Amino acid sequence: MTRPVLIVGGGLGGVAAALGLGQQDISVRLLEQSAEIAPIGYGVQIGPNVLPVLKRLGLGDEVRRASYLPDDLLLLDAHTGEQLVRVPLKGEAFERRYPAPYIAIHRVDLHEILLKAVRQLPCVDLNQATTVRGYSQTSDAVQVQTEAGESIEGCALIGADGLRSRLRAQMHPDDAPRDTGYVAHRTIVPMREAPISLHKRTGVTMWTGDGFHVIYYPLRERTEMNIVAVFRVPSGLEPTDNDGYRNYIDDTAARTQPEVRDVISMVNLERRWSIADRNPLRQWADGRVTLLGDSAHATLQSLAQGAGMALEDASSLTALMMKNPTDPAHAFAAFERQRFVRTARVQLESRALWHTYHCGGADAQVRTQQLQERTTEDLYRCFDWLWNVPPTHGGAPA
C-alpha cells in the first residue's frame, strides 16, 4: 500500500488499530479532532477475552502490571441489601476456564501504554486537532475532508470516531443513537478519601435499584476508587434544573442501603453523561471505508465490553487487512461478517441486562429469585460465549 491507511478517532480502538497495522509496517495516518490524543480519565473493565488481544500487540505484561485484578463481580439489591450475584474472578475454576484474568485499569494508563507503543513506529503519523467532516472515494483511493478545508488521501479509511460518528452518519443518514433516558456520573477518589464502607470491597461492586445503579472498584494498586452512578432522568425534569435533580437524587438515595448513600455522596452530580447506544447495523463497510468500535456497534455498559469490543475489532481488522493487503474493500467486508453477530449480541444482551439492573416492583422480585437460583457454574456458562473467544472473532495473530 503506497498511500496510508487513514484512521479517524484517537480512542482505544483507533489507537489499537494504528498500532496493529503499524507493527506490520503499514503506513498509517491517525486523525484526531482534539488538540491532544487523550481519553476521559476514568476506570475501564477488561474481560478475559481482551487481554489476549493486548498480548498479541506485545503489551499484555505491561497492561497487566498497570491493572488491578478484582476478586469478584458482586451484584447487590440497593434497597434490601440482598446479594443477587457473585461471580468469582480468581481461583482454579476461573483460571482453568478462561484465557486471562479479569482486570480493571485506569483508562488513561491503558491509552498511554498504547500510545507509547504507537509513537515508536515511524510508519504511524499522529495528527491532532484534525476534525473530519466527511469522505469520498474512487476505485483506488479514499479522501477525507476536514473542517479546515483540507483533503487527505489514503488507500483505506477506518472510522473509529465513536457513538456519534460522522462517518457512520454519512453512510446511514437516517440512523441515530438510541437515547436511554439515563445519565451517568463518573468520578475517581483517592482511597484515603473514600467512605470506610467501601474499603472492604475488593472486587467490582454494583448496587441495583429501581431506575438507577452505582458501581465501583479499586484502581492503581487500591490507591484510588473508581465510581459510576447512573440514574434515570424523570420525565419533565429540565436539564438545567439542578436543584430539582439534586432533590430527585436525594429522594432516591434515601430509600437505599447506607453503603449506597455513601457512594452517591462522593459523586459530582453536576457532571452528567447521557447514556445511549446504537441499534445493530449490518452495513459497516462502504468500499474502502469501514467503521470500528462504537462507530459500528456502540453498546450500553451492562457487560463492560465497549472497550473490549473495540480492541477485539482492531485485532481482527489488522489480521484481515494483512491477508488482503491490496484489497481493503474485501478485508472490510470480511471484517463485518466476522464481527457482526458477536458485537450485535453484546449490544442486545446489554439492553436486556439494562432492564434487569433497573427494574422495580414485581419485575425486580422475579429478577431477584431468578438470579439467586444460579450457581457459580451457571454464571460462568452465561459468560462463556463472551469471555472465551474463537480466534477468528478476537483476531488471529497477524
Protein backbone atom coordinates (compact mmCIF):
# COMPACT_ATOMS: atom_id res chain seq x y z
CA MET A 1 0.00 0.00 0.00
CA THR A 2 1.66 3.23 -1.09
CA ARG A 3 -0.93 5.56 0.40
CA PRO A 4 -1.52 5.42 4.17
CA VAL A 5 -4.46 3.84 5.90
CA LEU A 6 -6.44 6.70 7.43
CA ILE A 7 -7.94 6.24 10.90
CA VAL A 8 -10.39 8.80 12.25
CA GLY A 9 -10.52 8.84 16.05
CA GLY A 10 -7.83 8.51 18.68
CA GLY A 11 -9.68 6.45 21.30
CA LEU A 12 -8.67 2.96 22.38
CA GLY A 13 -9.96 1.27 19.21
CA GLY A 14 -8.40 3.76 16.80
CA VAL A 15 -5.02 3.74 18.53
CA ALA A 16 -5.01 -0.07 18.79
CA ALA A 17 -5.78 -0.35 15.06
CA ALA A 18 -2.96 2.08 14.27
CA LEU A 19 -0.61 0.01 16.43
CA GLY A 20 -1.61 -3.32 14.91
CA LEU A 21 -1.21 -2.06 11.35
CA GLY A 22 1.95 -0.13 12.13
CA GLN A 23 3.57 -3.21 13.63
CA GLN A 24 3.12 -4.81 10.19
CA ASP A 25 4.93 -1.86 8.54
CA ILE A 26 1.72 -0.50 7.05
CA SER A 27 1.70 3.28 6.72
CA VAL A 28 -0.99 4.82 8.95
CA ARG A 29 -2.23 8.34 9.45
CA LEU A 30 -4.40 8.77 12.54
CA LEU A 31 -6.63 11.85 12.62
CA GLU A 32 -7.94 13.06 16.00
CA GLN A 33 -10.09 16.16 16.40
CA SER A 34 -8.84 17.06 19.90
CA ALA A 35 -5.71 19.12 20.34
CA GLU A 36 -4.31 16.21 22.34
CA ILE A 37 -4.92 12.49 21.94
CA ALA A 38 -6.17 11.74 25.44
CA PRO A 39 -9.11 9.82 26.96
CA ILE A 40 -11.56 10.80 29.67
CA GLY A 41 -9.78 9.79 32.84
CA TYR A 42 -11.88 7.08 34.49
CA GLY A 43 -11.71 3.35 35.01
CA VAL A 44 -12.41 0.66 32.47
CA GLN A 45 -13.06 -3.06 32.97
CA ILE A 46 -11.31 -5.52 30.67
CA GLY A 47 -12.74 -9.03 30.44
CA PRO A 48 -10.67 -12.21 29.97
CA ASN A 49 -11.37 -12.03 26.23
CA VAL A 50 -9.42 -8.78 25.84
CA LEU A 51 -6.01 -9.27 27.45
CA PRO A 52 -5.03 -11.85 24.77
CA VAL A 53 -5.62 -9.11 22.16
CA LEU A 54 -3.27 -6.79 24.03
CA LYS A 55 -0.77 -9.63 24.32
CA ARG A 56 -0.78 -10.03 20.54
CA LEU A 57 0.15 -6.34 20.35
CA GLY A 58 3.10 -7.03 22.67
CA LEU A 59 1.51 -5.14 25.56
CA GLY A 60 -0.02 -7.89 27.71
CA ASP A 61 2.55 -7.80 30.51
CA GLU A 62 2.69 -4.01 30.67
CA VAL A 63 -1.10 -3.70 30.81
CA ARG A 64 -1.34 -6.35 33.49
CA ARG A 65 1.25 -4.57 35.65
CA ALA A 66 -0.81 -1.37 35.43
CA SER A 67 -4.06 -3.15 36.30
CA TYR A 68 -5.99 -4.11 39.39
CA LEU A 69 -7.28 -7.69 39.50
CA PRO A 70 -10.69 -7.67 41.24
CA ASP A 71 -11.68 -10.68 43.33
CA ASP A 72 -15.25 -10.89 42.08
CA LEU A 73 -18.23 -9.31 40.37
CA LEU A 74 -20.81 -8.60 43.05
CA LEU A 75 -24.41 -7.53 42.38
CA LEU A 76 -26.48 -6.36 45.36
CA ASP A 77 -30.01 -5.03 45.80
CA ALA A 78 -29.68 -1.35 46.70
CA HIS A 79 -32.95 -1.36 48.66
CA THR A 80 -32.82 -4.63 50.62
CA GLY A 81 -29.07 -5.26 50.72
CA GLU A 82 -29.54 -8.80 49.38
CA GLN A 83 -26.77 -10.38 47.36
CA LEU A 84 -28.11 -11.25 43.91
CA VAL A 85 -25.00 -12.50 42.12
CA ARG A 86 -21.36 -13.18 42.93
CA VAL A 87 -19.03 -14.19 40.11
CA PRO A 88 -15.58 -15.24 41.41
CA LEU A 89 -12.79 -13.83 39.23
CA LYS A 90 -9.92 -15.71 40.83
CA GLY A 91 -9.18 -19.30 41.70
CA GLU A 92 -8.67 -22.57 39.89
CA ALA A 93 -12.15 -22.83 38.36
CA PHE A 94 -11.91 -19.38 36.77
CA GLU A 95 -8.31 -19.78 35.61
CA ARG A 96 -9.00 -23.20 34.10
CA ARG A 97 -11.98 -21.86 32.19
CA TYR A 98 -10.77 -18.51 30.80
CA PRO A 99 -7.68 -17.41 28.86
CA ALA A 100 -6.69 -14.42 31.01
CA PRO A 101 -7.61 -12.56 34.20
CA TYR A 102 -10.40 -10.04 34.52
CA ILE A 103 -8.78 -6.65 35.09
CA ALA A 104 -9.66 -3.07 35.95
CA ILE A 105 -7.40 -0.29 34.70
CA HIS A 106 -7.41 3.47 34.56
CA ARG A 107 -8.36 4.38 31.01
CA VAL A 108 -5.55 6.95 30.87
CA ASP A 109 -3.00 4.26 31.78
CA LEU A 110 -4.26 1.87 29.08
CA HIS A 111 -4.40 4.65 26.49
CA GLU A 112 -0.88 5.81 27.32
CA ILE A 113 0.51 2.27 27.03
CA LEU A 114 -1.00 2.01 23.54
CA LEU A 115 0.13 5.50 22.52
CA LYS A 116 3.69 4.93 23.74
CA ALA A 117 3.93 1.84 21.55
CA VAL A 118 2.46 3.70 18.55
CA ARG A 119 4.90 6.59 18.90
CA GLN A 120 7.79 4.15 18.48
CA LEU A 121 6.59 3.24 14.98
CA PRO A 122 7.95 5.50 12.22
CA CYS A 123 5.20 4.43 9.81
CA VAL A 124 2.40 5.85 12.02
CA ASP A 125 1.67 9.56 11.83
CA LEU A 126 -0.45 11.05 14.62
CA ASN A 127 -2.40 14.15 13.61
CA GLN A 128 -4.16 16.10 16.37
CA ALA A 129 -6.61 18.99 16.02
CA THR A 130 -7.91 17.49 12.76
CA THR A 131 -11.70 17.29 12.53
CA VAL A 132 -13.01 15.11 9.71
CA ARG A 133 -16.41 16.06 8.35
CA GLY A 134 -16.80 13.51 5.55
CA TYR A 135 -15.23 11.26 2.95
CA SER A 136 -15.28 10.43 -0.74
CA GLN A 137 -13.62 7.64 -2.68
CA THR A 138 -12.53 6.45 -6.09
CA SER A 139 -11.73 2.97 -7.33
CA ASP A 140 -8.23 3.08 -5.84
CA ALA A 141 -8.23 5.71 -3.08
CA VAL A 142 -10.28 7.42 -0.38
CA GLN A 143 -10.23 11.07 0.64
CA VAL A 144 -11.38 12.71 3.86
CA GLN A 145 -12.41 16.34 4.05
CA THR A 146 -11.58 18.27 7.20
CA GLU A 147 -13.28 21.23 8.86
CA ALA A 148 -10.23 23.30 7.90
CA GLY A 149 -10.91 22.65 4.21
CA GLU A 150 -8.06 20.18 3.75
CA SER A 151 -8.36 16.97 1.74
CA ILE A 152 -6.32 13.99 2.97
CA GLU A 153 -5.91 10.93 0.78
CA GLY A 154 -5.35 7.32 1.76
CA CYS A 155 -5.75 3.80 0.45
CA ALA A 156 -8.42 2.98 3.05
CA LEU A 157 -10.37 4.66 5.85
CA ILE A 158 -11.25 3.31 9.31
CA GLY A 159 -13.89 5.27 11.21
CA ALA A 160 -13.24 4.96 14.95
CA ASP A 161 -14.95 8.23 15.80
CA GLY A 162 -17.31 6.96 18.46
CA LEU A 163 -21.01 6.84 19.29
CA ARG A 164 -21.85 9.98 17.28
CA SER A 165 -19.64 9.08 14.33
CA ARG A 166 -19.74 11.48 11.41
CA LEU A 167 -18.59 8.73 9.09
CA ARG A 168 -21.47 6.50 10.17
CA ALA A 169 -23.84 9.43 9.67
CA GLN A 170 -22.62 9.79 6.09
CA MET A 171 -23.11 6.07 5.42
CA HIS A 172 -26.51 5.97 7.13
CA PRO A 173 -28.08 9.44 7.28
CA ASP A 174 -31.31 8.20 8.88
CA ASP A 175 -29.61 6.24 11.64
CA ALA A 176 -29.20 7.89 15.06
CA PRO A 177 -28.07 6.94 18.57
CA ARG A 178 -30.78 5.48 20.82
CA ASP A 179 -31.10 7.56 23.96
CA THR A 180 -31.94 5.59 27.12
CA GLY A 181 -33.17 8.45 29.30
CA TYR A 182 -30.39 7.70 31.78
CA VAL A 183 -27.32 9.74 32.71
CA ALA A 184 -24.02 8.68 34.27
CA HIS A 185 -21.88 10.47 36.83
CA ARG A 186 -18.26 9.37 37.00
CA THR A 187 -15.52 10.13 39.48
CA ILE A 188 -12.29 8.76 40.89
CA VAL A 189 -11.41 9.45 44.51
CA PRO A 190 -8.22 8.67 46.43
CA MET A 191 -8.85 5.57 48.54
CA ARG A 192 -8.00 7.51 51.69
CA GLU A 193 -10.96 9.80 50.94
CA ALA A 194 -13.41 7.03 50.09
CA PRO A 195 -16.05 6.15 52.72
CA ILE A 196 -14.88 3.41 55.10
CA SER A 197 -17.75 1.19 53.94
CA LEU A 198 -16.10 0.93 50.51
CA HIS A 199 -12.67 -0.13 51.76
CA LYS A 200 -13.79 -3.72 52.38
CA ARG A 201 -14.72 -4.18 48.72
CA THR A 202 -12.00 -5.96 46.74
CA GLY A 203 -13.94 -6.65 43.58
CA VAL A 204 -16.30 -4.87 41.19
CA THR A 205 -19.30 -3.97 43.34
CA MET A 206 -22.64 -2.95 41.87
CA TRP A 207 -25.86 -1.98 43.66
CA THR A 208 -29.01 -2.14 41.57
CA GLY A 209 -32.27 -0.27 42.20
CA ASP A 210 -35.45 0.94 40.55
CA GLY A 211 -34.23 3.38 37.90
CA PHE A 212 -30.59 3.57 38.99
CA HIS A 213 -27.38 1.71 39.81
CA VAL A 214 -24.00 2.50 41.31
CA ILE A 215 -20.78 0.63 40.59
CA TYR A 216 -17.29 0.98 41.98
CA TYR A 217 -13.94 -0.80 42.04
CA PRO A 218 -10.33 -0.07 43.05
CA LEU A 219 -7.63 1.08 40.65
CA ARG A 220 -3.85 1.60 40.74
CA GLU A 221 -2.95 -0.89 43.46
CA ARG A 222 -6.01 0.12 45.51
CA THR A 223 -4.85 3.71 45.84
CA GLU A 224 -7.96 5.00 44.03
CA MET A 225 -11.64 4.10 43.81
CA ASN A 226 -13.48 4.42 40.51
CA ILE A 227 -17.16 5.27 40.98
CA VAL A 228 -20.02 5.43 38.47
CA ALA A 229 -23.58 6.35 39.40
CA VAL A 230 -26.35 6.01 36.81
CA PHE A 231 -29.86 7.45 37.15
CA ARG A 232 -32.99 7.56 35.02
CA VAL A 233 -33.93 11.20 34.49
CA PRO A 234 -37.60 11.79 35.40
CA SER A 235 -39.79 12.98 32.56
CA GLY A 236 -40.47 16.68 32.78
CA LEU A 237 -37.28 17.49 34.67
CA GLU A 238 -35.39 20.15 32.72
CA PRO A 239 -31.65 19.52 32.20
CA THR A 240 -30.87 22.92 33.70
CA ASP A 241 -32.92 22.29 36.87
CA ASN A 242 -30.01 21.34 39.12
CA ASP A 243 -31.99 21.83 42.34
CA GLY A 244 -34.79 19.59 41.11
CA TYR A 245 -32.31 16.95 40.01
CA ARG A 246 -30.49 17.06 43.35
CA ASN A 247 -33.80 16.64 45.21
CA TYR A 248 -34.63 13.65 42.98
CA ILE A 249 -31.26 12.02 43.72
CA ASP A 250 -31.63 12.69 47.45
CA ASP A 251 -35.10 11.09 47.44
CA THR A 252 -33.73 8.08 45.55
CA ALA A 253 -30.76 7.68 47.90
CA ALA A 254 -32.94 7.93 51.00
CA ARG A 255 -34.54 4.56 50.14
CA THR A 256 -31.22 2.71 49.78
CA GLN A 257 -28.68 0.95 51.96
CA PRO A 258 -26.13 3.09 53.88
CA GLU A 259 -23.26 1.97 51.64
CA VAL A 260 -25.17 3.10 48.54
CA ARG A 261 -25.75 6.50 50.12
CA ASP A 262 -22.03 6.67 50.94
CA VAL A 263 -21.17 6.09 47.27
CA ILE A 264 -23.69 8.61 45.94
CA SER A 265 -22.33 11.23 48.35
CA MET A 266 -18.95 11.04 46.58
CA VAL A 267 -20.30 11.73 43.09
CA ASN A 268 -20.27 15.13 41.40
CA LEU A 269 -23.89 15.38 40.27
CA GLU A 270 -23.27 18.45 38.13
CA ARG A 271 -21.25 16.46 35.59
CA ARG A 272 -23.55 14.20 33.60
CA TRP A 273 -23.05 11.98 30.58
CA SER A 274 -26.14 10.96 28.62
CA ILE A 275 -26.26 7.21 28.04
CA ALA A 276 -27.08 5.95 24.56
CA ASP A 277 -26.30 3.02 22.32
CA ARG A 278 -26.87 2.05 18.68
CA ASN A 279 -29.10 -0.49 17.01
CA PRO A 280 -27.17 -3.38 15.43
CA LEU A 281 -26.34 -2.44 11.86
CA ARG A 282 -25.04 -4.76 9.17
CA GLN A 283 -23.52 -2.24 6.79
CA TRP A 284 -20.31 -1.09 8.47
CA ALA A 285 -18.39 -1.04 5.22
CA ASP A 286 -18.63 1.21 2.18
CA GLY A 287 -15.99 0.15 -0.30
CA ARG A 288 -12.65 1.34 1.08
CA VAL A 289 -14.28 2.65 4.28
CA THR A 290 -15.22 0.76 7.42
CA LEU A 291 -16.42 1.53 10.94
CA LEU A 292 -14.82 0.17 14.11
CA GLY A 293 -15.72 0.10 17.81
CA ASP A 294 -18.51 2.39 19.00
CA SER A 295 -18.88 3.82 15.50
CA ALA A 296 -20.03 0.39 14.34
CA HIS A 297 -21.70 -1.11 17.42
CA ALA A 298 -21.97 1.26 20.40
CA THR A 299 -23.29 -0.66 23.40
CA LEU A 300 -24.61 0.02 26.87
CA GLN A 301 -22.22 -0.61 29.75
CA SER A 302 -24.12 -3.62 31.13
CA LEU A 303 -21.46 -6.17 30.12
CA ALA A 304 -18.49 -3.78 30.48
CA GLN A 305 -17.41 -4.62 26.92
CA GLY A 306 -17.37 -1.34 24.99
CA ALA A 307 -13.59 -1.05 25.14
CA GLY A 308 -13.21 -4.79 24.78
CA MET A 309 -15.17 -4.97 21.53
CA ALA A 310 -13.17 -2.06 20.08
CA LEU A 311 -9.88 -3.77 20.93
CA GLU A 312 -11.09 -7.08 19.51
CA ASP A 313 -12.14 -5.19 16.36
CA ALA A 314 -8.67 -3.71 15.97
CA SER A 315 -7.02 -7.12 16.22
CA SER A 316 -9.45 -8.78 13.84
CA LEU A 317 -9.23 -5.98 11.29
CA THR A 318 -5.43 -5.95 11.35
CA ALA A 319 -5.32 -9.68 10.61
CA LEU A 320 -7.80 -9.39 7.73
CA MET A 321 -6.01 -6.42 6.17
CA MET A 322 -2.77 -8.39 6.25
CA LYS A 323 -4.50 -11.21 4.40
CA ASN A 324 -5.80 -8.74 1.79
CA PRO A 325 -3.03 -6.11 1.59
CA THR A 326 -4.10 -4.73 -1.78
CA ASP A 327 -7.85 -5.07 -1.38
CA PRO A 328 -9.14 -3.20 1.69
CA ALA A 329 -12.73 -3.40 0.48
CA HIS A 330 -12.55 -7.20 0.60
CA ALA A 331 -10.95 -7.09 4.05
CA PHE A 332 -13.61 -4.70 5.32
CA ALA A 333 -16.46 -6.86 4.07
CA ALA A 334 -14.90 -9.91 5.72
CA PHE A 335 -14.40 -7.91 8.93
CA GLU A 336 -18.09 -7.12 9.15
CA ARG A 337 -19.06 -10.75 8.50
CA GLN A 338 -16.64 -11.94 11.15
CA ARG A 339 -17.60 -9.47 13.87
CA PHE A 340 -21.28 -8.64 13.34
CA VAL A 341 -23.08 -11.36 15.31
CA ARG A 342 -20.72 -11.19 18.27
CA THR A 343 -20.95 -7.41 18.61
CA ALA A 344 -24.70 -7.40 17.99
CA ARG A 345 -25.10 -9.97 20.76
CA VAL A 346 -23.16 -7.71 23.12
CA GLN A 347 -25.46 -4.82 22.18
CA LEU A 348 -28.70 -6.77 22.62
CA GLU A 349 -27.72 -8.69 25.76
CA SER A 350 -26.56 -5.40 27.28
CA ARG A 351 -30.01 -3.94 26.62
CA ALA A 352 -31.69 -6.93 28.28
CA LEU A 353 -29.43 -6.58 31.30
CA TRP A 354 -30.19 -2.86 31.46
CA HIS A 355 -33.77 -3.76 32.39
CA THR A 356 -32.51 -6.36 34.86
CA TYR A 357 -30.37 -3.74 36.56
CA HIS A 358 -33.02 -1.01 36.76
CA CYS A 359 -36.38 -2.70 37.24
CA GLY A 360 -38.68 -2.33 40.23
CA GLY A 361 -41.85 -3.91 41.63
CA ALA A 362 -42.77 -7.41 40.52
CA ASP A 363 -40.07 -7.37 37.83
CA ALA A 364 -37.41 -6.85 40.49
CA GLN A 365 -38.82 -9.60 42.71
CA VAL A 366 -38.80 -12.11 39.86
CA ARG A 367 -35.33 -10.92 38.81
CA THR A 368 -34.01 -11.49 42.32
CA GLN A 369 -35.41 -15.02 42.51
CA GLN A 370 -34.01 -15.92 39.09
CA LEU A 371 -30.53 -14.62 39.85
CA GLN A 372 -30.30 -16.14 43.31
CA GLU A 373 -31.13 -19.57 41.89
CA ARG A 374 -27.98 -19.53 39.74
CA THR A 375 -24.88 -21.38 40.84
CA THR A 376 -21.33 -20.23 40.10
CA GLU A 377 -21.24 -22.77 37.28
CA ASP A 378 -24.47 -21.31 35.87
CA LEU A 379 -22.96 -17.82 35.95
CA TYR A 380 -19.76 -18.93 34.25
CA ARG A 381 -21.80 -20.57 31.49
CA CYS A 382 -23.56 -17.24 30.95
CA PHE A 383 -20.19 -15.62 30.29
CA ASP A 384 -18.53 -18.41 28.29
CA TRP A 385 -19.63 -17.03 24.90
CA LEU A 386 -18.16 -13.64 25.79
CA TRP A 387 -15.03 -14.41 27.77
CA ASN A 388 -13.83 -17.34 25.63
CA VAL A 389 -13.29 -16.01 22.13
CA PRO A 390 -12.76 -18.09 18.99
CA PRO A 391 -9.52 -16.92 17.32
CA THR A 392 -11.37 -15.63 14.26
CA HIS A 393 -13.52 -13.35 16.41
CA GLY A 394 -10.77 -11.91 18.54
CA GLY A 395 -8.37 -11.61 15.66
CA ALA A 396 -5.75 -14.19 14.83
CA PRO A 397 -2.11 -13.23 15.18
CA ALA A 398 -1.03 -11.35 12.10
